[in-house]
Structure formats: structure tokens, C-alpha cells
Amino acid sequence: MDLIDVRTASEYVQVHIDGARLVPLSSLRVQAVRSDRQAGESEPIYIVCHSGGRSQSACAKLESAGLNAVNVAGGIRAWVEAGLPVVRQSAGASQFGECQG
């Protein structure tokens, strides 16, 4: 499964989904995403950010290039609230208030 986190490096370090590749939205290049695919060309690329705004922009960019991109609704915030597993910088490093969606 291809999972790309389009938040900033500092946001990613604080908390991220295990296996997600960090590709900040400002650095997102279609050709690089295409060449770094983990799954088959027809498989979706899941895109996550803090709450869904940046990932929606990334999806639009990838879809316009013909890639199958899926916005992870609610972003990492919803993922954490659902109790799904994440990787954290340290046990006390949960500062979602500083992240922007």
C-alpha cells in the first residue's frame, strides 16, 4: 500500500502513521511519486495530512496526472481519534494544537 503524508517534517516527526512516506505538499512532484510507487500502477495512493485540506490539494495534483489518489478523510487527527496505531516522537509528544490542516 502506498501512503504519503504531506505535512511538514516537524509535524511528521511528532506523530505519523507507520509506513507513511513523508512528502511535504511543498515538495510534492508527480514524477517522483510515480517512480517511488510501492504498489501497482492501478492501486490507489493514500494521501494524509493533519485534517484533510493539504491532502485534498495533493490528491487533485496527482489525479490530474492520471494517478489514483485517495484522500484519507479527517487526516491524522481522525486516525488518532479512531484509536488507530501511530508512531510518536516520544510518549509525551502529542501536540496536535500546533498542526495546521
N, C-alpha and C. Protein backbone atom coordinates (compact mmCIF):
# COMPACT_ATOMS: atom_id res chain seq x y z
N MET A 1 0.85 -1.18 0.00
CA MET A 1 0.00 0.00 0.00
C MET A 1 0.89 1.24 0.00
N ASP A 2 0.54 2.20 -0.82
CA ASP A 2 1.24 3.49 -0.87
C ASP A 2 0.50 4.47 0.03
N LEU A 3 1.22 5.03 1.01
CA LEU A 3 0.66 6.02 1.92
C LEU A 3 1.65 7.16 2.02
N ILE A 4 1.21 8.35 1.63
CA ILE A 4 2.06 9.54 1.64
C ILE A 4 1.49 10.56 2.61
N ASP A 5 2.34 11.07 3.47
CA ASP A 5 1.99 12.11 4.44
C ASP A 5 2.53 13.43 3.89
N VAL A 6 1.64 14.38 3.63
CA VAL A 6 2.04 15.64 3.01
C VAL A 6 2.20 16.80 4.00
N ARG A 7 2.29 16.47 5.28
CA ARG A 7 2.52 17.51 6.29
C ARG A 7 3.99 17.92 6.28
N THR A 8 4.35 18.84 7.17
CA THR A 8 5.74 19.26 7.29
C THR A 8 6.54 18.19 8.05
N ALA A 9 7.86 18.27 7.94
CA ALA A 9 8.72 17.31 8.63
C ALA A 9 8.52 17.37 10.14
N SER A 10 8.35 18.56 10.71
CA SER A 10 8.16 18.66 12.16
C SER A 10 6.84 18.03 12.60
N GLU A 11 5.79 18.18 11.80
CA GLU A 11 4.52 17.52 12.13
C GLU A 11 4.67 16.01 12.06
N TYR A 12 5.33 15.54 11.02
CA TYR A 12 5.53 14.11 10.79
C TYR A 12 6.30 13.48 11.95
N VAL A 13 7.35 14.14 12.41
CA VAL A 13 8.18 13.61 13.49
C VAL A 13 7.36 13.46 14.77
N GLN A 14 6.47 14.40 15.03
CA GLN A 14 5.65 14.33 16.25
C GLN A 14 4.77 13.09 16.26
N VAL A 15 4.08 12.83 15.16
CA VAL A 15 3.18 11.68 15.08
C VAL A 15 2.90 11.38 13.61
N HIS A 16 2.99 10.11 13.25
CA HIS A 16 2.67 9.71 11.87
C HIS A 16 2.20 8.26 11.84
N ILE A 17 1.61 7.89 10.74
CA ILE A 17 1.15 6.51 10.54
C ILE A 17 2.36 5.68 10.13
N ASP A 18 2.51 4.54 10.78
CA ASP A 18 3.63 3.65 10.46
C ASP A 18 3.58 3.26 8.98
N GLY A 19 4.68 3.42 8.31
CA GLY A 19 4.76 3.08 6.89
C GLY A 19 4.47 4.24 5.95
N ALA A 20 4.01 5.36 6.50
CA ALA A 20 3.75 6.54 5.66
C ALA A 20 5.06 7.19 5.25
N ARG A 21 5.16 7.54 3.96
CA ARG A 21 6.33 8.27 3.47
C ARG A 21 6.07 9.76 3.58
N LEU A 22 7.03 10.48 4.08
CA LEU A 22 6.91 11.94 4.18
C LEU A 22 7.26 12.58 2.85
N VAL A 23 6.28 13.28 2.28
CA VAL A 23 6.49 14.08 1.07
C VAL A 23 5.69 15.37 1.29
N PRO A 24 6.32 16.39 1.93
CA PRO A 24 5.58 17.63 2.20
C PRO A 24 4.91 18.17 0.93
N LEU A 25 3.73 18.73 1.10
CA LEU A 25 2.98 19.25 -0.04
C LEU A 25 3.84 20.20 -0.88
N SER A 26 4.66 21.00 -0.23
CA SER A 26 5.50 21.96 -0.96
C SER A 26 6.56 21.26 -1.83
N SER A 27 6.84 20.00 -1.53
CA SER A 27 7.85 19.24 -2.29
C SER A 27 7.24 18.16 -3.18
N LEU A 28 5.92 18.08 -3.23
CA LEU A 28 5.25 17.02 -3.97
C LEU A 28 5.49 17.15 -5.48
N ARG A 29 6.12 16.15 -6.07
CA ARG A 29 6.39 16.09 -7.50
C ARG A 29 5.79 14.81 -8.05
N VAL A 30 4.93 14.94 -9.03
CA VAL A 30 4.21 13.79 -9.59
C VAL A 30 5.18 12.71 -10.06
N GLN A 31 6.20 13.09 -10.79
CA GLN A 31 7.14 12.09 -11.32
C GLN A 31 7.84 11.32 -10.21
N ALA A 32 8.21 12.01 -9.13
CA ALA A 32 8.86 11.34 -8.00
C ALA A 32 7.90 10.37 -7.32
N VAL A 33 6.65 10.77 -7.15
CA VAL A 33 5.65 9.88 -6.56
C VAL A 33 5.46 8.66 -7.45
N ARG A 34 5.35 8.89 -8.73
CA ARG A 34 5.17 7.79 -9.68
C ARG A 34 6.35 6.80 -9.62
N SER A 35 7.55 7.30 -9.57
CA SER A 35 8.72 6.41 -9.58
C SER A 35 8.95 5.71 -8.24
N ASP A 36 8.42 6.27 -7.15
CA ASP A 36 8.59 5.67 -5.83
C ASP A 36 7.44 4.77 -5.41
N ARG A 37 6.56 4.43 -6.35
CA ARG A 37 5.38 3.61 -6.03
C ARG A 37 5.77 2.30 -5.35
N GLN A 38 5.04 1.93 -4.33
CA GLN A 38 5.23 0.66 -3.63
C GLN A 38 4.28 -0.39 -4.18
N ALA A 39 3.14 0.03 -4.69
CA ALA A 39 2.11 -0.87 -5.21
C ALA A 39 2.03 -0.72 -6.73
N GLY A 40 1.18 -1.51 -7.33
CA GLY A 40 0.99 -1.44 -8.77
C GLY A 40 0.41 -0.12 -9.23
N GLU A 41 0.60 0.21 -10.48
CA GLU A 41 0.18 1.49 -11.05
C GLU A 41 -1.32 1.75 -10.88
N SER A 42 -2.14 0.72 -10.91
CA SER A 42 -3.59 0.92 -10.79
C SER A 42 -4.06 1.00 -9.33
N GLU A 43 -3.20 0.63 -8.40
CA GLU A 43 -3.56 0.68 -6.98
C GLU A 43 -3.60 2.13 -6.50
N PRO A 44 -4.46 2.43 -5.53
CA PRO A 44 -4.54 3.82 -5.04
C PRO A 44 -3.31 4.23 -4.23
N ILE A 45 -3.07 5.51 -4.25
CA ILE A 45 -2.08 6.13 -3.37
C ILE A 45 -2.90 6.88 -2.33
N TYR A 46 -2.74 6.53 -1.08
CA TYR A 46 -3.47 7.19 0.00
C TYR A 46 -2.66 8.38 0.48
N ILE A 47 -3.35 9.52 0.62
CA ILE A 47 -2.69 10.78 1.00
C ILE A 47 -3.29 11.26 2.32
N VAL A 48 -2.41 11.61 3.26
CA VAL A 48 -2.86 12.06 4.58
C VAL A 48 -2.14 13.35 4.95
N CYS A 49 -2.85 14.21 5.69
CA CYS A 49 -2.25 15.40 6.29
C CYS A 49 -2.81 15.50 7.70
N HIS A 50 -2.94 16.68 8.23
CA HIS A 50 -3.46 16.83 9.60
C HIS A 50 -4.96 16.61 9.66
N SER A 51 -5.71 17.31 8.79
CA SER A 51 -7.16 17.19 8.86
C SER A 51 -7.83 17.00 7.51
N GLY A 52 -7.10 17.05 6.42
CA GLY A 52 -7.67 16.77 5.11
C GLY A 52 -7.50 17.83 4.05
N GLY A 53 -7.14 19.04 4.41
CA GLY A 53 -7.02 20.12 3.43
C GLY A 53 -5.83 19.97 2.49
N ARG A 54 -4.66 19.80 3.06
CA ARG A 54 -3.47 19.66 2.22
C ARG A 54 -3.51 18.36 1.43
N SER A 55 -4.03 17.31 2.03
CA SER A 55 -4.09 16.03 1.31
C SER A 55 -5.06 16.12 0.14
N GLN A 56 -6.12 16.90 0.29
CA GLN A 56 -7.06 17.09 -0.83
C GLN A 56 -6.36 17.81 -1.99
N SER A 57 -5.54 18.80 -1.68
CA SER A 57 -4.78 19.50 -2.72
C SER A 57 -3.81 18.56 -3.41
N ALA A 58 -3.14 17.71 -2.62
CA ALA A 58 -2.20 16.74 -3.18
C ALA A 58 -2.92 15.74 -4.08
N CYS A 59 -4.09 15.28 -3.65
CA CYS A 59 -4.88 14.35 -4.46
C CYS A 59 -5.24 14.97 -5.80
N ALA A 60 -5.67 16.21 -5.78
CA ALA A 60 -6.05 16.89 -7.02
C ALA A 60 -4.86 16.95 -7.98
N LYS A 61 -3.68 17.25 -7.45
CA LYS A 61 -2.48 17.32 -8.28
C LYS A 61 -2.13 15.95 -8.88
N LEU A 62 -2.19 14.92 -8.06
CA LEU A 62 -1.86 13.58 -8.54
C LEU A 62 -2.91 13.04 -9.52
N GLU A 63 -4.18 13.30 -9.21
CA GLU A 63 -5.25 12.84 -10.10
C GLU A 63 -5.18 13.52 -11.46
N SER A 64 -4.78 14.79 -11.49
CA SER A 64 -4.67 15.50 -12.77
C SER A 64 -3.57 14.90 -13.64
N ALA A 65 -2.65 14.15 -13.00
CA ALA A 65 -1.58 13.48 -13.74
C ALA A 65 -1.93 12.02 -14.02
N GLY A 66 -3.17 11.63 -13.72
CA GLY A 66 -3.62 10.28 -14.03
C GLY A 66 -3.39 9.24 -12.95
N LEU A 67 -2.97 9.65 -11.77
CA LEU A 67 -2.76 8.70 -10.69
C LEU A 67 -4.04 8.54 -9.87
N ASN A 68 -4.22 7.36 -9.30
CA ASN A 68 -5.38 7.05 -8.47
C ASN A 68 -5.04 7.46 -7.03
N ALA A 69 -5.43 8.67 -6.63
CA ALA A 69 -5.12 9.20 -5.31
C ALA A 69 -6.38 9.26 -4.45
N VAL A 70 -6.24 8.86 -3.18
CA VAL A 70 -7.37 8.84 -2.25
C VAL A 70 -7.02 9.68 -1.03
N ASN A 71 -7.86 10.65 -0.73
CA ASN A 71 -7.69 11.50 0.44
C ASN A 71 -8.14 10.73 1.68
N VAL A 72 -7.27 10.62 2.68
CA VAL A 72 -7.64 9.98 3.95
C VAL A 72 -8.48 11.00 4.72
N ALA A 73 -9.78 10.78 4.72
CA ALA A 73 -10.73 11.73 5.32
C ALA A 73 -10.42 11.99 6.78
N GLY A 74 -10.34 13.26 7.14
CA GLY A 74 -10.09 13.65 8.52
C GLY A 74 -8.63 13.66 8.92
N GLY A 75 -7.77 13.14 8.05
CA GLY A 75 -6.33 13.17 8.27
C GLY A 75 -5.85 12.40 9.49
N ILE A 76 -4.65 12.74 9.91
CA ILE A 76 -4.04 12.07 11.06
C ILE A 76 -4.84 12.33 12.33
N ARG A 77 -5.49 13.48 12.39
CA ARG A 77 -6.33 13.79 13.56
C ARG A 77 -7.41 12.73 13.73
N ALA A 78 -8.14 12.42 12.65
CA ALA A 78 -9.20 11.42 12.72
C ALA A 78 -8.62 10.02 12.97
N TRP A 79 -7.45 9.76 12.39
CA TRP A 79 -6.79 8.46 12.58
C TRP A 79 -6.51 8.23 14.07
N VAL A 80 -5.94 9.24 14.73
CA VAL A 80 -5.62 9.14 16.15
C VAL A 80 -6.90 9.04 16.98
N GLU A 81 -7.91 9.85 16.66
CA GLU A 81 -9.17 9.83 17.40
C GLU A 81 -9.87 8.48 17.28
N ALA A 82 -9.64 7.78 16.17
CA ALA A 82 -10.23 6.45 15.98
C ALA A 82 -9.45 5.37 16.73
N GLY A 83 -8.33 5.75 17.35
CA GLY A 83 -7.55 4.79 18.11
C GLY A 83 -6.66 3.91 17.26
N LEU A 84 -6.41 4.32 16.02
CA LEU A 84 -5.56 3.54 15.13
C LEU A 84 -4.09 3.77 15.48
N PRO A 85 -3.23 2.82 15.19
CA PRO A 85 -1.82 2.93 15.63
C PRO A 85 -1.04 4.02 14.90
N VAL A 86 -0.18 4.68 15.66
CA VAL A 86 0.70 5.72 15.13
C VAL A 86 2.09 5.56 15.74
N VAL A 87 3.05 6.23 15.12
CA VAL A 87 4.41 6.32 15.65
C VAL A 87 4.54 7.73 16.22
N ARG A 88 4.97 7.81 17.46
CA ARG A 88 5.14 9.12 18.11
C ARG A 88 6.61 9.37 18.42
N GLN A 89 6.97 10.65 18.43
CA GLN A 89 8.34 11.06 18.75
C GLN A 89 8.71 10.56 20.14
N SER A 90 7.84 10.77 21.10
CA SER A 90 8.04 10.28 22.46
C SER A 90 6.66 10.15 23.09
N ALA A 91 6.60 9.51 24.22
CA ALA A 91 5.32 9.27 24.88
C ALA A 91 4.54 10.55 25.15
N GLY A 92 5.23 11.67 25.38
CA GLY A 92 4.54 12.92 25.70
C GLY A 92 4.45 13.89 24.54
N ALA A 93 4.71 13.45 23.32
CA ALA A 93 4.78 14.37 22.17
C ALA A 93 3.49 14.37 21.38
N SER A 94 2.39 14.76 21.99
CA SER A 94 1.13 14.86 21.28
C SER A 94 0.70 16.32 21.30
N GLN A 95 1.08 17.07 20.27
CA GLN A 95 0.81 18.50 20.22
C GLN A 95 0.00 18.84 18.99
N PHE A 96 -1.18 18.21 18.86
CA PHE A 96 -1.98 18.45 17.67
C PHE A 96 -2.43 19.88 17.53
N GLY A 97 -2.51 20.61 18.61
CA GLY A 97 -2.93 22.00 18.51
C GLY A 97 -2.00 22.86 17.67
N GLU A 98 -0.75 22.44 17.51
CA GLU A 98 0.20 23.20 16.72
C GLU A 98 0.17 22.86 15.25
N CYS A 99 -0.46 21.76 14.89
CA CYS A 99 -0.51 21.34 13.49
C CYS A 99 -1.62 22.09 12.76
N GLN A 100 -1.39 22.41 11.53
CA GLN A 100 -2.39 23.09 10.73
C GLN A 100 -2.92 22.13 9.67
N GLY A 101 -4.21 22.18 9.38
CA GLY A 101 -4.82 21.26 8.43
C GLY A 101 -4.91 21.76 7.06
